[in-house]
Amino acid sequence: MIVTTTPSIEGRKISTYLGIVTGEAIMGANIFKDFMATIRDVVGGRSAAYEQELIRAKEIALQEMTDRARALGADAIVGVDLDYEVLGQGNSMLMVSTSGTAVKLA
């Protein structure tokens, strides 16, 4: 399935718009990752644990959106948007949400 942030697909014609599809992933961060990220914030550097969790959440949200589009009979999803939010007291949860328009191609 073609998944793109653009409103169209070069060289392909959209024949039918099937509707908006979404995907969500909410991931909890464990205490050890939080502790290590705090140390990295103090001494500098990147938090590989958080980066991996962010990548995992994005992949889950995109897969969920793609599965929903496939269930509608879509060939592609256009106009995809990804949003990232931190939730919970002490920012203990990461949410990634995706949305786009499921389409059939000619």
PDB file of N, CA and C in Angstrom:
ATOM      1  N   MET A   1       0.846  -1.171   0.000  1.00  0.00           N
ATOM      2  CA  MET A   1       0.000   0.000   0.000  1.00  0.00           C
ATOM      3  C   MET A   1       0.894   1.239   0.000  1.00  0.00           C
ATOM      4  N   ILE A   2       0.530   2.209  -0.828  1.00  0.00           N
ATOM      5  CA  ILE A   2       1.263   3.470  -0.875  1.00  0.00           C
ATOM      6  C   ILE A   2       0.754   4.353   0.255  1.00  0.00           C
ATOM      7  N   VAL A   3       1.667   4.881   1.055  1.00  0.00           N
ATOM      8  CA  VAL A   3       1.327   5.788   2.154  1.00  0.00           C
ATOM      9  C   VAL A   3       2.182   7.040   1.969  1.00  0.00           C
ATOM     10  N   THR A   4       1.542   8.189   1.800  1.00  0.00           N
ATOM     11  CA  THR A   4       2.285   9.412   1.509  1.00  0.00           C
ATOM     12  C   THR A   4       1.687  10.628   2.207  1.00  0.00           C
ATOM     13  N   THR A   5       2.541  11.586   2.489  1.00  0.00           N
ATOM     14  CA  THR A   5       2.073  12.840   3.106  1.00  0.00           C
ATOM     15  C   THR A   5       1.546  13.812   2.055  1.00  0.00           C
ATOM     16  N   THR A   6       1.780  13.525   0.789  1.00  0.00           N
ATOM     17  CA  THR A   6       1.317  14.413  -0.275  1.00  0.00           C
ATOM     18  C   THR A   6      -0.166  14.179  -0.567  1.00  0.00           C
ATOM     19  N   PRO A   7      -0.847  15.169  -1.165  1.00  0.00           N
ATOM     20  CA  PRO A   7      -2.280  15.003  -1.437  1.00  0.00           C
ATOM     21  C   PRO A   7      -2.580  14.158  -2.674  1.00  0.00           C
ATOM     22  N   SER A   8      -1.548  13.802  -3.434  1.00  0.00           N
ATOM     23  CA  SER A   8      -1.730  12.984  -4.627  1.00  0.00           C
ATOM     24  C   SER A   8      -0.509  12.090  -4.793  1.00  0.00           C
ATOM     25  N   ILE A   9      -0.594  11.174  -5.766  1.00  0.00           N
ATOM     26  CA  ILE A   9       0.506  10.266  -6.060  1.00  0.00           C
ATOM     27  C   ILE A   9       0.913  10.510  -7.501  1.00  0.00           C
ATOM     28  N   GLU A  10       2.134  10.938  -7.678  1.00  0.00           N
ATOM     29  CA  GLU A  10       2.618  11.279  -9.012  1.00  0.00           C
ATOM     30  C   GLU A  10       2.453  10.100  -9.964  1.00  0.00           C
ATOM     31  N   GLY A  11       1.846  10.388 -11.109  1.00  0.00           N
ATOM     32  CA  GLY A  11       1.659   9.360 -12.125  1.00  0.00           C
ATOM     33  C   GLY A  11       0.469   8.450 -11.903  1.00  0.00           C
ATOM     34  N   ARG A  12      -0.259   8.651 -10.825  1.00  0.00           N
ATOM     35  CA  ARG A  12      -1.437   7.817 -10.523  1.00  0.00           C
ATOM     36  C   ARG A  12      -2.647   8.723 -10.324  1.00  0.00           C
ATOM     37  N   LYS A  13      -3.787   8.249 -10.755  1.00  0.00           N
ATOM     38  CA  LYS A  13      -5.034   8.997 -10.595  1.00  0.00           C
ATOM     39  C   LYS A  13      -5.860   8.370  -9.483  1.00  0.00           C
ATOM     40  N   ILE A  14      -6.382   9.214  -8.607  1.00  0.00           N
ATOM     41  CA  ILE A  14      -7.282   8.747  -7.549  1.00  0.00           C
ATOM     42  C   ILE A  14      -8.678   8.618  -8.138  1.00  0.00           C
ATOM     43  N   SER A  15      -9.256   7.422  -8.036  1.00  0.00           N
ATOM     44  CA  SER A  15     -10.595   7.213  -8.589  1.00  0.00           C
ATOM     45  C   SER A  15     -11.686   7.372  -7.542  1.00  0.00           C
ATOM     46  N   THR A  16     -11.384   7.009  -6.282  1.00  0.00           N
ATOM     47  CA  THR A  16     -12.396   7.067  -5.226  1.00  0.00           C
ATOM     48  C   THR A  16     -11.745   7.432  -3.900  1.00  0.00           C
ATOM     49  N   TYR A  17     -12.380   8.366  -3.205  1.00  0.00           N
ATOM     50  CA  TYR A  17     -11.969   8.713  -1.837  1.00  0.00           C
ATOM     51  C   TYR A  17     -12.832   7.906  -0.888  1.00  0.00           C
ATOM     52  N   LEU A  18     -12.195   7.092  -0.052  1.00  0.00           N
ATOM     53  CA  LEU A  18     -12.939   6.180   0.819  1.00  0.00           C
ATOM     54  C   LEU A  18     -13.161   6.737   2.224  1.00  0.00           C
ATOM     55  N   GLY A  19     -12.469   7.803   2.573  1.00  0.00           N
ATOM     56  CA  GLY A  19     -12.666   8.411   3.886  1.00  0.00           C
ATOM     57  C   GLY A  19     -11.380   8.496   4.689  1.00  0.00           C
ATOM     58  N   ILE A  20     -11.498   9.144   5.813  1.00  0.00           N
ATOM     59  CA  ILE A  20     -10.358   9.341   6.707  1.00  0.00           C
ATOM     60  C   ILE A  20     -10.097   8.064   7.488  1.00  0.00           C
ATOM     61  N   VAL A  21      -8.826   7.720   7.589  1.00  0.00           N
ATOM     62  CA  VAL A  21      -8.407   6.592   8.416  1.00  0.00           C
ATOM     63  C   VAL A  21      -7.394   7.101   9.436  1.00  0.00           C
ATOM     64  N   THR A  22      -7.374   6.449  10.595  1.00  0.00           N
ATOM     65  CA  THR A  22      -6.481   6.879  11.667  1.00  0.00           C
ATOM     66  C   THR A  22      -5.770   5.685  12.292  1.00  0.00           C
ATOM     67  N   GLY A  23      -4.735   5.981  13.012  1.00  0.00           N
ATOM     68  CA  GLY A  23      -4.030   4.976  13.797  1.00  0.00           C
ATOM     69  C   GLY A  23      -3.473   5.645  15.035  1.00  0.00           C
ATOM     70  N   GLU A  24      -3.441   4.931  16.133  1.00  0.00           N
ATOM     71  CA  GLU A  24      -2.951   5.493  17.387  1.00  0.00           C
ATOM     72  C   GLU A  24      -2.076   4.477  18.099  1.00  0.00           C
ATOM     73  N   ALA A  25      -1.108   4.994  18.821  1.00  0.00           N
ATOM     74  CA  ALA A  25      -0.279   4.152  19.679  1.00  0.00           C
ATOM     75  C   ALA A  25       0.069   4.961  20.915  1.00  0.00           C
ATOM     76  N   ILE A  26      -0.186   4.398  22.079  1.00  0.00           N
ATOM     77  CA  ILE A  26       0.186   5.035  23.342  1.00  0.00           C
ATOM     78  C   ILE A  26       1.150   4.100  24.041  1.00  0.00           C
ATOM     79  N   MET A  27       2.323   4.605  24.315  1.00  0.00           N
ATOM     80  CA  MET A  27       3.388   3.797  24.891  1.00  0.00           C
ATOM     81  C   MET A  27       3.769   4.357  26.256  1.00  0.00           C
ATOM     82  N   GLY A  28       3.919   3.473  27.215  1.00  0.00           N
ATOM     83  CA  GLY A  28       4.390   3.868  28.537  1.00  0.00           C
ATOM     84  C   GLY A  28       5.903   3.798  28.589  1.00  0.00           C
ATOM     85  N   ALA A  29       6.493   4.709  29.310  1.00  0.00           N
ATOM     86  CA  ALA A  29       7.947   4.684  29.504  1.00  0.00           C
ATOM     87  C   ALA A  29       8.210   4.117  30.893  1.00  0.00           C
ATOM     88  N   ASN A  30       9.120   3.153  30.978  1.00  0.00           N
ATOM     89  CA  ASN A  30       9.363   2.575  32.285  1.00  0.00           C
ATOM     90  C   ASN A  30      10.350   3.413  33.099  1.00  0.00           C
ATOM     91  N   ILE A  31      10.455   3.136  34.380  1.00  0.00           N
ATOM     92  CA  ILE A  31      11.273   3.936  35.301  1.00  0.00           C
ATOM     93  C   ILE A  31      12.737   3.927  34.909  1.00  0.00           C
ATOM     94  N   PHE A  32      13.281   2.793  34.481  1.00  0.00           N
ATOM     95  CA  PHE A  32      14.691   2.731  34.119  1.00  0.00           C
ATOM     96  C   PHE A  32      14.986   3.641  32.924  1.00  0.00           C
ATOM     97  N   LYS A  33      14.117   3.594  31.903  1.00  0.00           N
ATOM     98  CA  LYS A  33      14.309   4.465  30.748  1.00  0.00           C
ATOM     99  C   LYS A  33      14.224   5.925  31.172  1.00  0.00           C
ATOM    100  N   ASP A  34      13.250   6.263  32.045  1.00  0.00           N
ATOM    101  CA  ASP A  34      13.115   7.637  32.529  1.00  0.00           C
ATOM    102  C   ASP A  34      14.376   8.081  33.253  1.00  0.00           C
ATOM    103  N   PHE A  35      14.908   7.213  34.109  1.00  0.00           N
ATOM    104  CA  PHE A  35      16.109   7.548  34.877  1.00  0.00           C
ATOM    105  C   PHE A  35      17.292   7.801  33.944  1.00  0.00           C
ATOM    106  N   MET A  36      17.498   6.903  32.971  1.00  0.00           N
ATOM    107  CA  MET A  36      18.616   7.054  32.041  1.00  0.00           C
ATOM    108  C   MET A  36      18.444   8.289  31.165  1.00  0.00           C
ATOM    109  N   ALA A  37      17.210   8.588  30.760  1.00  0.00           N
ATOM    110  CA  ALA A  37      16.969   9.782  29.946  1.00  0.00           C
ATOM    111  C   ALA A  37      17.275  11.040  30.739  1.00  0.00           C
ATOM    112  N   THR A  38      16.940  11.044  32.031  1.00  0.00           N
ATOM    113  CA  THR A  38      17.244  12.193  32.884  1.00  0.00           C
ATOM    114  C   THR A  38      18.751  12.404  32.979  1.00  0.00           C
ATOM    115  N   ILE A  39      19.494  11.330  33.138  1.00  0.00           N
ATOM    116  CA  ILE A  39      20.958  11.450  33.207  1.00  0.00           C
ATOM    117  C   ILE A  39      21.492  12.025  31.894  1.00  0.00           C
ATOM    118  N   ARG A  40      20.997  11.549  30.777  1.00  0.00           N
ATOM    119  CA  ARG A  40      21.455  12.058  29.480  1.00  0.00           C
ATOM    120  C   ARG A  40      21.099  13.536  29.317  1.00  0.00           C
ATOM    121  N   ASP A  41      19.920  13.935  29.822  1.00  0.00           N
ATOM    122  CA  ASP A  41      19.539  15.343  29.741  1.00  0.00           C
ATOM    123  C   ASP A  41      20.516  16.214  30.518  1.00  0.00           C
ATOM    124  N   VAL A  42      20.988  15.722  31.642  1.00  0.00           N
ATOM    125  CA  VAL A  42      21.911  16.485  32.482  1.00  0.00           C
ATOM    126  C   VAL A  42      23.296  16.549  31.846  1.00  0.00           C
ATOM    127  N   VAL A  43      23.802  15.427  31.368  1.00  0.00           N
ATOM    128  CA  VAL A  43      25.168  15.388  30.831  1.00  0.00           C
ATOM    129  C   VAL A  43      25.207  15.581  29.319  1.00  0.00           C
ATOM    130  N   GLY A  44      24.078  15.632  28.679  1.00  0.00           N
ATOM    131  CA  GLY A  44      24.023  15.812  27.233  1.00  0.00           C
ATOM    132  C   GLY A  44      23.939  14.481  26.520  1.00  0.00           C
ATOM    133  N   GLY A  45      23.613  14.537  25.251  1.00  0.00           N
ATOM    134  CA  GLY A  45      23.510  13.312  24.464  1.00  0.00           C
ATOM    135  C   GLY A  45      22.076  12.958  24.170  1.00  0.00           C
ATOM    136  N   ARG A  46      21.930  11.935  23.369  1.00  0.00           N
ATOM    137  CA  ARG A  46      20.609  11.493  22.946  1.00  0.00           C
ATOM    138  C   ARG A  46      20.162  10.309  23.783  1.00  0.00           C
ATOM    139  N   SER A  47      18.849  10.187  23.929  1.00  0.00           N
ATOM    140  CA  SER A  47      18.280   9.064  24.673  1.00  0.00           C
ATOM    141  C   SER A  47      17.847   7.990  23.685  1.00  0.00           C
ATOM    142  N   ALA A  48      18.705   6.986  23.492  1.00  0.00           N
ATOM    143  CA  ALA A  48      18.412   5.915  22.543  1.00  0.00           C
ATOM    144  C   ALA A  48      17.149   5.151  22.931  1.00  0.00           C
ATOM    145  N   ALA A  49      16.913   4.972  24.232  1.00  0.00           N
ATOM    146  CA  ALA A  49      15.723   4.236  24.680  1.00  0.00           C
ATOM    147  C   ALA A  49      14.453   4.960  24.253  1.00  0.00           C
ATOM    148  N   TYR A  50      14.410   6.267  24.447  1.00  0.00           N
ATOM    149  CA  TYR A  50      13.233   7.029  24.036  1.00  0.00           C
ATOM    150  C   TYR A  50      13.104   7.069  22.520  1.00  0.00           C
ATOM    151  N   GLU A  51      14.220   7.199  21.825  1.00  0.00           N
ATOM    152  CA  GLU A  51      14.168   7.220  20.368  1.00  0.00           C
ATOM    153  C   GLU A  51      13.592   5.909  19.835  1.00  0.00           C
ATOM    154  N   GLN A  52      14.002   4.782  20.382  1.00  0.00           N
ATOM    155  CA  GLN A  52      13.482   3.487  19.956  1.00  0.00           C
ATOM    156  C   GLN A  52      11.992   3.361  20.265  1.00  0.00           C
ATOM    157  N   GLU A  53      11.577   3.864  21.407  1.00  0.00           N
ATOM    158  CA  GLU A  53      10.158   3.816  21.787  1.00  0.00           C
ATOM    159  C   GLU A  53       9.327   4.684  20.845  1.00  0.00           C
ATOM    160  N   LEU A  54       9.869   5.830  20.461  1.00  0.00           N
ATOM    161  CA  LEU A  54       9.190   6.722  19.529  1.00  0.00           C
ATOM    162  C   LEU A  54       9.050   6.063  18.154  1.00  0.00           C
ATOM    163  N   ILE A  55      10.103   5.434  17.678  1.00  0.00           N
ATOM    164  CA  ILE A  55      10.064   4.733  16.396  1.00  0.00           C
ATOM    165  C   ILE A  55       9.027   3.615  16.447  1.00  0.00           C
ATOM    166  N   ARG A  56       9.022   2.861  17.528  1.00  0.00           N
ATOM    167  CA  ARG A  56       8.067   1.754  17.684  1.00  0.00           C
ATOM    168  C   ARG A  56       6.622   2.259  17.684  1.00  0.00           C
ATOM    169  N   ALA A  57       6.369   3.349  18.402  1.00  0.00           N
ATOM    170  CA  ALA A  57       5.017   3.917  18.450  1.00  0.00           C
ATOM    171  C   ALA A  57       4.581   4.408  17.072  1.00  0.00           C
ATOM    172  N   LYS A  58       5.493   5.044  16.337  1.00  0.00           N
ATOM    173  CA  LYS A  58       5.163   5.524  14.996  1.00  0.00           C
ATOM    174  C   LYS A  58       4.826   4.353  14.079  1.00  0.00           C
ATOM    175  N   GLU A  59       5.611   3.291  14.134  1.00  0.00           N
ATOM    176  CA  GLU A  59       5.358   2.126  13.295  1.00  0.00           C
ATOM    177  C   GLU A  59       4.022   1.471  13.618  1.00  0.00           C
ATOM    178  N   ILE A  60       3.678   1.387  14.888  1.00  0.00           N
ATOM    179  CA  ILE A  60       2.393   0.799  15.298  1.00  0.00           C
ATOM    180  C   ILE A  60       1.235   1.641  14.782  1.00  0.00           C
ATOM    181  N   ALA A  61       1.325   2.958  14.954  1.00  0.00           N
ATOM    182  CA  ALA A  61       0.247   3.853  14.512  1.00  0.00           C
ATOM    183  C   ALA A  61       0.073   3.796  12.994  1.00  0.00           C
ATOM    184  N   LEU A  62       1.184   3.781  12.246  1.00  0.00           N
ATOM    185  CA  LEU A  62       1.089   3.698  10.790  1.00  0.00           C
ATOM    186  C   LEU A  62       0.502   2.358  10.352  1.00  0.00           C
ATOM    187  N   GLN A  63       0.897   1.273  11.014  1.00  0.00           N
ATOM    188  CA  GLN A  63       0.363  -0.046  10.663  1.00  0.00           C
ATOM    189  C   GLN A  63      -1.135  -0.131  10.949  1.00  0.00           C
ATOM    190  N   GLU A  64      -1.553   0.430  12.082  1.00  0.00           N
ATOM    191  CA  GLU A  64      -2.982   0.421  12.431  1.00  0.00           C
ATOM    192  C   GLU A  64      -3.779   1.197  11.382  1.00  0.00           C
ATOM    193  N   MET A  65      -3.277   2.366  10.961  1.00  0.00           N
ATOM    194  CA  MET A  65      -3.951   3.179   9.947  1.00  0.00           C
ATOM    195  C   MET A  65      -4.017   2.418   8.619  1.00  0.00           C
ATOM    196  N   THR A  66      -2.915   1.781   8.238  1.00  0.00           N
ATOM    197  CA  THR A  66      -2.859   1.021   6.992  1.00  0.00           C
ATOM    198  C   THR A  66      -3.841  -0.154   7.029  1.00  0.00           C
ATOM    199  N   ASP A  67      -3.929  -0.835   8.149  1.00  0.00           N
ATOM    200  CA  ASP A  67      -4.874  -1.948   8.289  1.00  0.00           C
ATOM    201  C   ASP A  67      -6.309  -1.472   8.115  1.00  0.00           C
ATOM    202  N   ARG A  68      -6.618  -0.318   8.675  1.00  0.00           N
ATOM    203  CA  ARG A  68      -7.979   0.233   8.546  1.00  0.00           C
ATOM    204  C   ARG A  68      -8.277   0.620   7.103  1.00  0.00           C
ATOM    205  N   ALA A  69      -7.289   1.178   6.408  1.00  0.00           N
ATOM    206  CA  ALA A  69      -7.473   1.544   4.996  1.00  0.00           C
ATOM    207  C   ALA A  69      -7.659   0.294   4.155  1.00  0.00           C
ATOM    208  N   ARG A  70      -6.873  -0.740   4.410  1.00  0.00           N
ATOM    209  CA  ARG A  70      -6.977  -2.000   3.680  1.00  0.00           C
ATOM    210  C   ARG A  70      -8.376  -2.612   3.869  1.00  0.00           C
ATOM    211  N   ALA A  71      -8.919  -2.497   5.072  1.00  0.00           N
ATOM    212  CA  ALA A  71     -10.263  -3.030   5.347  1.00  0.00           C
ATOM    213  C   ALA A  71     -11.333  -2.306   4.523  1.00  0.00           C
ATOM    214  N   LEU A  72     -11.047  -1.069   4.130  1.00  0.00           N
ATOM    215  CA  LEU A  72     -11.975  -0.305   3.283  1.00  0.00           C
ATOM    216  C   LEU A  72     -11.764  -0.601   1.798  1.00  0.00           C
ATOM    217  N   GLY A  73     -10.731  -1.376   1.471  1.00  0.00           N
ATOM    218  CA  GLY A  73     -10.422  -1.674   0.080  1.00  0.00           C
ATOM    219  C   GLY A  73      -9.517  -0.651  -0.575  1.00  0.00           C
ATOM    220  N   ALA A  74      -8.796   0.107   0.214  1.00  0.00           N
ATOM    221  CA  ALA A  74      -7.932   1.169  -0.317  1.00  0.00           C
ATOM    222  C   ALA A  74      -6.676   0.609  -0.958  1.00  0.00           C
ATOM    223  N   ASP A  75      -6.167   1.355  -1.941  1.00  0.00           N
ATOM    224  CA  ASP A  75      -4.883   1.070  -2.568  1.00  0.00           C
ATOM    225  C   ASP A  75      -3.782   1.961  -2.004  1.00  0.00           C
ATOM    226  N   ALA A  76      -4.194   3.086  -1.405  1.00  0.00           N
ATOM    227  CA  ALA A  76      -3.222   4.057  -0.914  1.00  0.00           C
ATOM    228  C   ALA A  76      -3.854   4.928   0.168  1.00  0.00           C
ATOM    229  N   ILE A  77      -2.983   5.635   0.888  1.00  0.00           N
ATOM    230  CA  ILE A  77      -3.423   6.644   1.858  1.00  0.00           C
ATOM    231  C   ILE A  77      -2.653   7.918   1.523  1.00  0.00           C
ATOM    232  N   VAL A  78      -3.385   8.997   1.277  1.00  0.00           N
ATOM    233  CA  VAL A  78      -2.755  10.274   0.942  1.00  0.00           C
ATOM    234  C   VAL A  78      -2.995  11.285   2.056  1.00  0.00           C
ATOM    235  N   GLY A  79      -2.172  12.341   2.055  1.00  0.00           N
ATOM    236  CA  GLY A  79      -2.334  13.411   3.036  1.00  0.00           C
ATOM    237  C   GLY A  79      -2.067  12.969   4.459  1.00  0.00           C
ATOM    238  N   VAL A  80      -1.142  12.040   4.649  1.00  0.00           N
ATOM    239  CA  VAL A  80      -0.873  11.489   5.980  1.00  0.00           C
ATOM    240  C   VAL A  80      -0.237  12.540   6.882  1.00  0.00           C
ATOM    241  N   ASP A  81      -0.726  12.592   8.110  1.00  0.00           N
ATOM    242  CA  ASP A  81      -0.201  13.496   9.138  1.00  0.00           C
ATOM    243  C   ASP A  81       0.145  12.657  10.363  1.00  0.00           C
ATOM    244  N   LEU A  82       1.298  12.950  10.953  1.00  0.00           N
ATOM    245  CA  LEU A  82       1.724  12.279  12.184  1.00  0.00           C
ATOM    246  C   LEU A  82       1.781  13.322  13.291  1.00  0.00           C
ATOM    247  N   ASP A  83       1.213  12.992  14.437  1.00  0.00           N
ATOM    248  CA  ASP A  83       1.240  13.878  15.603  1.00  0.00           C
ATOM    249  C   ASP A  83       1.824  13.129  16.787  1.00  0.00           C
ATOM    250  N   TYR A  84       2.601  13.844  17.576  1.00  0.00           N
ATOM    251  CA  TYR A  84       3.248  13.279  18.764  1.00  0.00           C
ATOM    252  C   TYR A  84       2.817  14.074  19.984  1.00  0.00           C
ATOM    253  N   GLU A  85       2.440  13.386  21.052  1.00  0.00           N
ATOM    254  CA  GLU A  85       2.024  14.035  22.296  1.00  0.00           C
ATOM    255  C   GLU A  85       2.601  13.282  23.478  1.00  0.00           C
ATOM    256  N   VAL A  86       2.866  14.006  24.555  1.00  0.00           N
ATOM    257  CA  VAL A  86       3.268  13.400  25.814  1.00  0.00           C
ATOM    258  C   VAL A  86       2.075  13.515  26.749  1.00  0.00           C
ATOM    259  N   LEU A  87       1.690  12.393  27.365  1.00  0.00           N
ATOM    260  CA  LEU A  87       0.491  12.338  28.202  1.00  0.00           C
ATOM    261  C   LEU A  87       0.847  11.918  29.622  1.00  0.00           C
ATOM    262  N   GLY A  88      -0.063  12.169  30.524  1.00  0.00           N
ATOM    263  CA  GLY A  88       0.061  11.657  31.883  1.00  0.00           C
ATOM    264  C   GLY A  88       0.846  12.574  32.803  1.00  0.00           C
ATOM    265  N   GLN A  89       0.633  12.368  34.104  1.00  0.00           N
ATOM    266  CA  GLN A  89       1.371  13.124  35.099  1.00  0.00           C
ATOM    267  C   GLN A  89       2.828  12.724  35.023  1.00  0.00           C
ATOM    268  N   GLY A  90       3.691  13.711  35.021  1.00  0.00           N
ATOM    269  CA  GLY A  90       5.108  13.428  34.910  1.00  0.00           C
ATOM    270  C   GLY A  90       5.506  13.002  33.508  1.00  0.00           C
ATOM    271  N   ASN A  91       4.596  13.234  32.528  1.00  0.00           N
ATOM    272  CA  ASN A  91       4.870  12.917  31.133  1.00  0.00           C
ATOM    273  C   ASN A  91       5.318  11.469  30.957  1.00  0.00           C
ATOM    274  N   SER A  92       4.542  10.544  31.509  1.00  0.00           N
ATOM    275  CA  SER A  92       4.936   9.142  31.520  1.00  0.00           C
ATOM    276  C   SER A  92       4.448   8.338  30.314  1.00  0.00           C
ATOM    277  N   MET A  93       3.674   8.943  29.440  1.00  0.00           N
ATOM    278  CA  MET A  93       3.130   8.226  28.291  1.00  0.00           C
ATOM    279  C   MET A  93       3.414   9.019  27.013  1.00  0.00           C
ATOM    280  N   LEU A  94       3.694   8.294  25.950  1.00  0.00           N
ATOM    281  CA  LEU A  94       3.922   8.889  24.645  1.00  0.00           C
ATOM    282  C   LEU A  94       2.803   8.435  23.722  1.00  0.00           C
ATOM    283  N   MET A  95       2.162   9.379  23.019  1.00  0.00           N
ATOM    284  CA  MET A  95       1.119   9.027  22.076  1.00  0.00           C
ATOM    285  C   MET A  95       1.526   9.494  20.682  1.00  0.00           C
ATOM    286  N   VAL A  96       1.412   8.598  19.724  1.00  0.00           N
ATOM    287  CA  VAL A  96       1.611   8.943  18.322  1.00  0.00           C
ATOM    288  C   VAL A  96       0.292   8.657  17.623  1.00  0.00           C
ATOM    289  N   SER A  97      -0.208   9.643  16.895  1.00  0.00           N
ATOM    290  CA  SER A  97      -1.441   9.435  16.138  1.00  0.00           C
ATOM    291  C   SER A  97      -1.177   9.781  14.673  1.00  0.00           C
ATOM    292  N   THR A  98      -1.795   9.024  13.793  1.00  0.00           N
ATOM    293  CA  THR A  98      -1.673   9.242  12.363  1.00  0.00           C
ATOM    294  C   THR A  98      -3.060   9.370  11.764  1.00  0.00           C
ATOM    295  N   SER A  99      -3.163  10.139  10.701  1.00  0.00           N
ATOM    296  CA  SER A  99      -4.418  10.232   9.971  1.00  0.00           C
ATOM    297  C   SER A  99      -4.112  10.501   8.507  1.00  0.00           C
ATOM    298  N   GLY A 100      -5.010  10.083   7.658  1.00  0.00           N
ATOM    299  CA  GLY A 100      -4.861  10.296   6.233  1.00  0.00           C
ATOM    300  C   GLY A 100      -6.164   9.919   5.552  1.00  0.00           C
ATOM    301  N   THR A 101      -6.171  10.067   4.233  1.00  0.00           N
ATOM    302  CA  THR A 101      -7.357   9.742   3.450  1.00  0.00           C
ATOM    303  C   THR A 101      -7.123   8.468   2.650  1.00  0.00           C
ATOM    304  N   ALA A 102      -7.945   7.469   2.884  1.00  0.00           N
ATOM    305  CA  ALA A 102      -7.862   6.208   2.159  1.00  0.00           C
ATOM    306  C   ALA A 102      -8.463   6.418   0.770  1.00  0.00           C
ATOM    307  N   VAL A 103      -7.748   5.937  -0.270  1.00  0.00           N
ATOM    308  CA  VAL A 103      -8.205   6.126  -1.637  1.00  0.00           C
ATOM    309  C   VAL A 103      -8.037   4.861  -2.464  1.00  0.00           C
ATOM    310  N   LYS A 104      -8.830   4.773  -3.531  1.00  0.00           N
ATOM    311  CA  LYS A 104      -8.658   3.759  -4.551  1.00  0.00           C
ATOM    312  C   LYS A 104      -8.007   4.451  -5.732  1.00  0.00           C
ATOM    313  N   LEU A 105      -7.035   3.767  -6.341  1.00  0.00           N
ATOM    314  CA  LEU A 105      -6.340   4.324  -7.497  1.00  0.00           C
ATOM    315  C   LEU A 105      -6.916   3.755  -8.776  1.00  0.00           C
ATOM    316  N   ALA A 106      -6.885   4.567  -9.832  1.00  0.00           N
ATOM    317  CA  ALA A 106      -7.385   4.128 -11.142  1.00  0.00           C
ATOM    318  C   ALA A 106      -6.395   3.163 -11.766  1.00  0.00           C
TER     319      ALA A 106
END
